[in-house]
PDB file of N, CA and C in Angstrom:
ATOM      1  N   MET A   1     138.658 127.763  83.245  1.00  0.00           N
ATOM      2  CA  MET A   1     138.777 127.791  84.739  1.00  0.00           C
ATOM      3  C   MET A   1     139.675 126.877  85.083  1.00  0.00           C
ATOM      4  N   GLY A   2     140.660 127.235  86.158  1.00  0.00           N
ATOM      5  CA  GLY A   2     141.859 126.689  87.084  1.00  0.00           C
ATOM      6  C   GLY A   2     140.568 125.839  88.273  1.00  0.00           C
ATOM      7  N   ARG A   3     141.356 124.751  89.129  1.00  0.00           N
ATOM      8  CA  ARG A   3     140.241 123.998  90.326  1.00  0.00           C
ATOM      9  C   ARG A   3     140.896 125.127  91.431  1.00  0.00           C
ATOM     10  N   LEU A   4     139.833 125.131  91.897  1.00  0.00           N
ATOM     11  CA  LEU A   4     139.834 125.632  93.274  1.00  0.00           C
ATOM     12  C   LEU A   4     140.826 125.094  94.000  1.00  0.00           C
ATOM     13  N   GLY A   5     141.716 126.005  95.041  1.00  0.00           N
ATOM     14  CA  GLY A   5     142.731 125.565  96.110  1.00  0.00           C
ATOM     15  C   GLY A   5     141.980 125.969  97.501  1.00  0.00           C
ATOM     16  N   LEU A   6     143.427 125.864  98.144  1.00  0.00           N
ATOM     17  CA  LEU A   6     143.175 125.837  99.897  1.00  0.00           C
ATOM     18  C   LEU A   6     142.747 127.290  99.680  1.00  0.00           C
ATOM     19  N   PRO A   7     143.342 128.307  99.102  1.00  0.00           N
ATOM     20  CA  PRO A   7     143.078 129.938  99.355  1.00  0.00           C
ATOM     21  C   PRO A   7     141.682 130.298  98.335  1.00  0.00           C
ATOM     22  N   GLU A   8     141.036 129.706  97.593  1.00  0.00           N
ATOM     23  CA  GLU A   8     140.230 130.236  97.222  1.00  0.00           C
ATOM     24  C   GLU A   8     138.813 129.548  97.966  1.00  0.00           C
ATOM     25  N   ILE A   9     139.237 128.141  98.902  1.00  0.00           N
ATOM     26  CA  ILE A   9     138.036 127.740  99.116  1.00  0.00           C
ATOM     27  C   ILE A   9     137.672 128.775 100.732  1.00  0.00           C
ATOM     28  N   LEU A  10     139.183 128.947 101.010  1.00  0.00           N
ATOM     29  CA  LEU A  10     139.196 129.429 102.440  1.00  0.00           C
ATOM     30  C   LEU A  10     138.417 130.777 102.523  1.00  0.00           C
ATOM     31  N   VAL A  11     138.340 131.354 101.301  1.00  0.00           N
ATOM     32  CA  VAL A  11     137.988 133.128 101.204  1.00  0.00           C
ATOM     33  C   VAL A  11     136.343 132.480 100.559  1.00  0.00           C
ATOM     34  N   ILE A  12     136.018 131.654 100.053  1.00  0.00           N
ATOM     35  CA  ILE A  12     134.315 131.416 100.164  1.00  0.00           C
ATOM     36  C   ILE A  12     134.025 131.702 101.032  1.00  0.00           C
ATOM     37  N   ILE A  13     134.255 129.858 102.239  1.00  0.00           N
ATOM     38  CA  ILE A  13     133.838 129.957 103.509  1.00  0.00           C
ATOM     39  C   ILE A  13     133.938 131.420 104.055  1.00  0.00           C
ATOM     40  N   ALA A  14     135.009 132.053 104.465  1.00  0.00           N
ATOM     41  CA  ALA A  14     134.760 133.502 104.924  1.00  0.00           C
ATOM     42  C   ALA A  14     133.927 134.383 104.744  1.00  0.00           C
ATOM     43  N   VAL A  15     133.463 134.281 102.933  1.00  0.00           N
ATOM     44  CA  VAL A  15     132.281 135.393 103.012  1.00  0.00           C
ATOM     45  C   VAL A  15     131.163 134.698 102.946  1.00  0.00           C
ATOM     46  N   VAL A  16     130.709 133.200 102.821  1.00  0.00           N
ATOM     47  CA  VAL A  16     129.612 132.684 103.362  1.00  0.00           C
ATOM     48  C   VAL A  16     129.274 132.810 105.441  1.00  0.00           C
ATOM     49  N   LEU A  17     130.367 132.679 105.457  1.00  0.00           N
ATOM     50  CA  LEU A  17     130.043 133.358 107.274  1.00  0.00           C
ATOM     51  C   LEU A  17     129.925 134.616 107.675  1.00  0.00           C
ATOM     52  N   LEU A  18     130.108 136.072 106.990  1.00  0.00           N
ATOM     53  CA  LEU A  18     130.447 137.147 106.638  1.00  0.00           C
ATOM     54  C   LEU A  18     128.800 137.171 105.896  1.00  0.00           C
ATOM     55  N   LEU A  19     128.377 136.833 104.967  1.00  0.00           N
ATOM     56  CA  LEU A  19     126.651 136.922 104.850  1.00  0.00           C
ATOM     57  C   LEU A  19     125.996 136.468 105.595  1.00  0.00           C
ATOM     58  N   PHE A  20     125.754 134.817 105.967  1.00  0.00           N
ATOM     59  CA  PHE A  20     124.746 134.706 106.981  1.00  0.00           C
ATOM     60  C   PHE A  20     125.331 134.407 108.047  1.00  0.00           C
ATOM     61  N   GLY A  21     126.579 134.573 108.620  1.00  0.00           N
ATOM     62  CA  GLY A  21     126.585 134.554 109.903  1.00  0.00           C
ATOM     63  C   GLY A  21     126.529 132.692 110.769  1.00  0.00           C
ATOM     64  N   GLY A  22     127.037 133.154 111.963  1.00  0.00           N
ATOM     65  CA  GLY A  22     127.780 131.483 112.213  1.00  0.00           C
ATOM     66  C   GLY A  22     126.019 130.277 112.833  1.00  0.00           C
ATOM     67  N   LYS A  23     125.005 131.158 112.926  1.00  0.00           N
ATOM     68  CA  LYS A  23     123.677 130.917 113.375  1.00  0.00           C
ATOM     69  C   LYS A  23     123.094 130.455 112.061  1.00  0.00           C
ATOM     70  N   LYS A  24     122.901 130.892 111.485  1.00  0.00           N
ATOM     71  CA  LYS A  24     122.395 130.076 110.009  1.00  0.00           C
ATOM     72  C   LYS A  24     123.015 129.610 109.349  1.00  0.00           C
ATOM     73  N   ILE A  25     123.985 129.091 109.337  1.00  0.00           N
ATOM     74  CA  ILE A  25     124.730 127.915 108.437  1.00  0.00           C
ATOM     75  C   ILE A  25     124.201 126.973 108.527  1.00  0.00           C
ATOM     76  N   PRO A  26     123.736 126.724 109.795  1.00  0.00           N
ATOM     77  CA  PRO A  26     123.216 124.628 110.403  1.00  0.00           C
ATOM     78  C   PRO A  26     121.859 124.806 109.569  1.00  0.00           C
ATOM     79  N   GLU A  27     121.166 125.726 109.624  1.00  0.00           N
ATOM     80  CA  GLU A  27     119.706 125.836 108.824  1.00  0.00           C
ATOM     81  C   GLU A  27     119.911 125.828 107.831  1.00  0.00           C
ATOM     82  N   LEU A  28     121.033 126.606 106.922  1.00  0.00           N
ATOM     83  CA  LEU A  28     120.754 126.296 105.490  1.00  0.00           C
ATOM     84  C   LEU A  28     121.309 125.167 105.380  1.00  0.00           C
ATOM     85  N   MET A  29     122.587 124.692 106.020  1.00  0.00           N
ATOM     86  CA  MET A  29     122.652 123.409 105.524  1.00  0.00           C
ATOM     87  C   MET A  29     121.633 121.808 105.633  1.00  0.00           C
ATOM     88  N   LYS A  30     120.752 122.174 106.942  1.00  0.00           N
ATOM     89  CA  LYS A  30     120.119 121.491 106.937  1.00  0.00           C
ATOM     90  C   LYS A  30     118.619 121.429 105.912  1.00  0.00           C
ATOM     91  N   GLY A  31     118.663 122.512 105.105  1.00  0.00           N
ATOM     92  CA  GLY A  31     117.347 122.341 104.228  1.00  0.00           C
ATOM     93  C   GLY A  31     118.078 122.490 103.083  1.00  0.00           C
ATOM     94  N   LEU A  32     120.083 122.309 102.793  1.00  0.00           N
ATOM     95  CA  LEU A  32     120.254 122.389 101.616  1.00  0.00           C
ATOM     96  C   LEU A  32     120.267 120.209 101.429  1.00  0.00           C
ATOM     97  N   GLY A  33     120.459 119.682 102.854  1.00  0.00           N
ATOM     98  CA  GLY A  33     120.324 117.960 102.750  1.00  0.00           C
ATOM     99  C   GLY A  33     119.160 117.551 102.959  1.00  0.00           C
ATOM    100  N   SER A  34     117.666 118.456 103.004  1.00  0.00           N
ATOM    101  CA  SER A  34     116.513 117.479 102.541  1.00  0.00           C
ATOM    102  C   SER A  34     116.148 118.085 101.451  1.00  0.00           C
ATOM    103  N   GLY A  35     116.192 119.121 100.908  1.00  0.00           N
ATOM    104  CA  GLY A  35     116.339 118.971  99.433  1.00  0.00           C
ATOM    105  C   GLY A  35     116.632 118.003  98.594  1.00  0.00           C
ATOM    106  N   ILE A  36     118.560 118.062  99.171  1.00  0.00           N
ATOM    107  CA  ILE A  36     118.810 116.926  97.959  1.00  0.00           C
ATOM    108  C   ILE A  36     118.565 115.353  98.273  1.00  0.00           C
ATOM    109  N   LYS A  37     117.844 115.134  99.745  1.00  0.00           N
ATOM    110  CA  LYS A  37     117.249 113.927  99.883  1.00  0.00           C
ATOM    111  C   LYS A  37     115.862 113.651  98.618  1.00  0.00           C
ATOM    112  N   GLU A  38     115.134 114.665  99.133  1.00  0.00           N
ATOM    113  CA  GLU A  38     113.958 114.817  98.034  1.00  0.00           C
ATOM    114  C   GLU A  38     114.051 114.515  96.590  1.00  0.00           C
ATOM    115  N   PHE A  39     115.128 115.122  95.828  1.00  0.00           N
ATOM    116  CA  PHE A  39     115.833 115.010  94.953  1.00  0.00           C
ATOM    117  C   PHE A  39     115.962 113.978  94.257  1.00  0.00           C
ATOM    118  N   LYS A  40     116.519 113.301  95.328  1.00  0.00           N
ATOM    119  CA  LYS A  40     117.230 112.029  95.000  1.00  0.00           C
ATOM    120  C   LYS A  40     115.814 110.734  95.148  1.00  0.00           C
ATOM    121  N   ASN A  41     115.040 110.946  96.064  1.00  0.00           N
ATOM    122  CA  ASN A  41     113.767 110.334  96.161  1.00  0.00           C
ATOM    123  C   ASN A  41     112.880 109.838  94.806  1.00  0.00           C
ATOM    124  N   ALA A  42     112.941 111.931  94.209  1.00  0.00           N
ATOM    125  CA  ALA A  42     112.306 111.695  92.924  1.00  0.00           C
ATOM    126  C   ALA A  42     112.524 110.793  92.278  1.00  0.00           C
ATOM    127  N   ALA A  43     113.712 111.065  91.956  1.00  0.00           N
ATOM    128  CA  ALA A  43     114.971 110.662  90.640  1.00  0.00           C
ATOM    129  C   ALA A  43     114.410 109.374  90.853  1.00  0.00           C
ATOM    130  N   LYS A  44     114.853 108.594  91.692  1.00  0.00           N
ATOM    131  CA  LYS A  44     114.842 107.195  92.231  1.00  0.00           C
ATOM    132  C   LYS A  44     112.994 107.037  91.533  1.00  0.00           C
ATOM    133  N   ASP A  45     112.291 107.677  91.941  1.00  0.00           N
ATOM    134  CA  ASP A  45     110.687 107.198  91.752  1.00  0.00           C
ATOM    135  C   ASP A  45     110.621 107.531  90.469  1.00  0.00           C
ATOM    136  N   ASP A  46     111.198 108.313  89.564  1.00  0.00           N
ATOM    137  CA  ASP A  46     111.185 108.443  88.069  1.00  0.00           C
ATOM    138  C   ASP A  46     111.375 107.231  87.263  1.00  0.00           C
ATOM    139  N   GLN A  47     112.790 106.703  87.881  1.00  0.00           N
ATOM    140  CA  GLN A  47     112.884 105.593  86.819  1.00  0.00           C
ATOM    141  C   GLN A  47     112.470 104.613  87.339  1.00  0.00           C
ATOM    142  N   GLN A  48     111.718 104.169  88.356  1.00  0.00           N
ATOM    143  CA  GLN A  48     111.073 103.289  88.576  1.00  0.00           C
ATOM    144  C   GLN A  48     109.992 102.830  87.144  1.00  0.00           C
ATOM    145  N   PRO A  49     110.151 101.314  86.599  1.00  0.00           N
ATOM    146  CA  PRO A  49     109.004 100.923  85.760  1.00  0.00           C
ATOM    147  C   PRO A  49     107.697 101.116  86.065  1.00  0.00           C
ATOM    148  N   ALA A  50     106.591 101.657  85.130  1.00  0.00           N
ATOM    149  CA  ALA A  50     105.400 102.106  85.051  1.00  0.00           C
ATOM    150  C   ALA A  50     104.243 101.276  86.012  1.00  0.00           C
ATOM    151  N   ASP A  51     104.531 100.271  85.407  1.00  0.00           N
ATOM    152  CA  ASP A  51     103.491  98.859  86.406  1.00  0.00           C
ATOM    153  C   ASP A  51     103.635  98.883  87.909  1.00  0.00           C
ATOM    154  N   LYS A  52     104.776  98.992  88.493  1.00  0.00           N
ATOM    155  CA  LYS A  52     105.259  99.462  89.934  1.00  0.00           C
ATOM    156  C   LYS A  52     104.152 100.319  90.253  1.00  0.00           C
ATOM    157  N   LYS A  53     104.687 101.437  89.610  1.00  0.00           N
ATOM    158  CA  LYS A  53     103.985 102.530  90.137  1.00  0.00           C
ATOM    159  C   LYS A  53     102.657 102.872  90.248  1.00  0.00           C
ATOM    160  N   GLU A  54     101.633 101.772  89.053  1.00  0.00           N
ATOM    161  CA  GLU A  54     100.458 101.844  89.376  1.00  0.00           C
ATOM    162  C   GLU A  54     100.257 101.360  90.584  1.00  0.00           C
ATOM    163  N   GLU A  55     101.369  99.688  90.892  1.00  0.00           N
ATOM    164  CA  GLU A  55     100.429  99.260  91.738  1.00  0.00           C
ATOM    165  C   GLU A  55     100.541  99.838  93.488  1.00  0.00           C
ATOM    166  N   GLU A  56     101.789 100.808  93.554  1.00  0.00           N
ATOM    167  CA  GLU A  56     101.799 101.484  94.912  1.00  0.00           C
ATOM    168  C   GLU A  56     100.676 102.537  94.488  1.00  0.00           C
ATOM    169  N   GLU A  57     100.419 102.779  93.597  1.00  0.00           N
ATOM    170  CA  GLU A  57      99.433 103.936  93.462  1.00  0.00           C
ATOM    171  C   GLU A  57      97.841 103.477  94.123  1.00  0.00           C
ATOM    172  N   THR A  58      97.503 101.773  93.725  1.00  0.00           N
ATOM    173  CA  THR A  58      96.310 101.556  94.371  1.00  0.00           C
ATOM    174  C   THR A  58      96.556 100.961  95.787  1.00  0.00           C
ATOM    175  N   LYS A  59      97.825 101.293  96.497  1.00  0.00           N
ATOM    176  CA  LYS A  59      97.221 100.804  97.760  1.00  0.00           C
ATOM    177  C   LYS A  59      96.843 101.569  98.568  1.00  0.00           C
TER     178      LYS A  59
END
């Protein structure tokens, strides 16, 4: 598969607009952003050493 060029990106944007409409897209992006934020926080929490996790749980 090749790289996405400008025409391909425009077609994808047009299809998304047709499927979801202009009013629904901001809600979808907000949900996507909060999902990514939660994922990053969970990944960061998993990387903490076990003793720090135990200290936070006892608080």
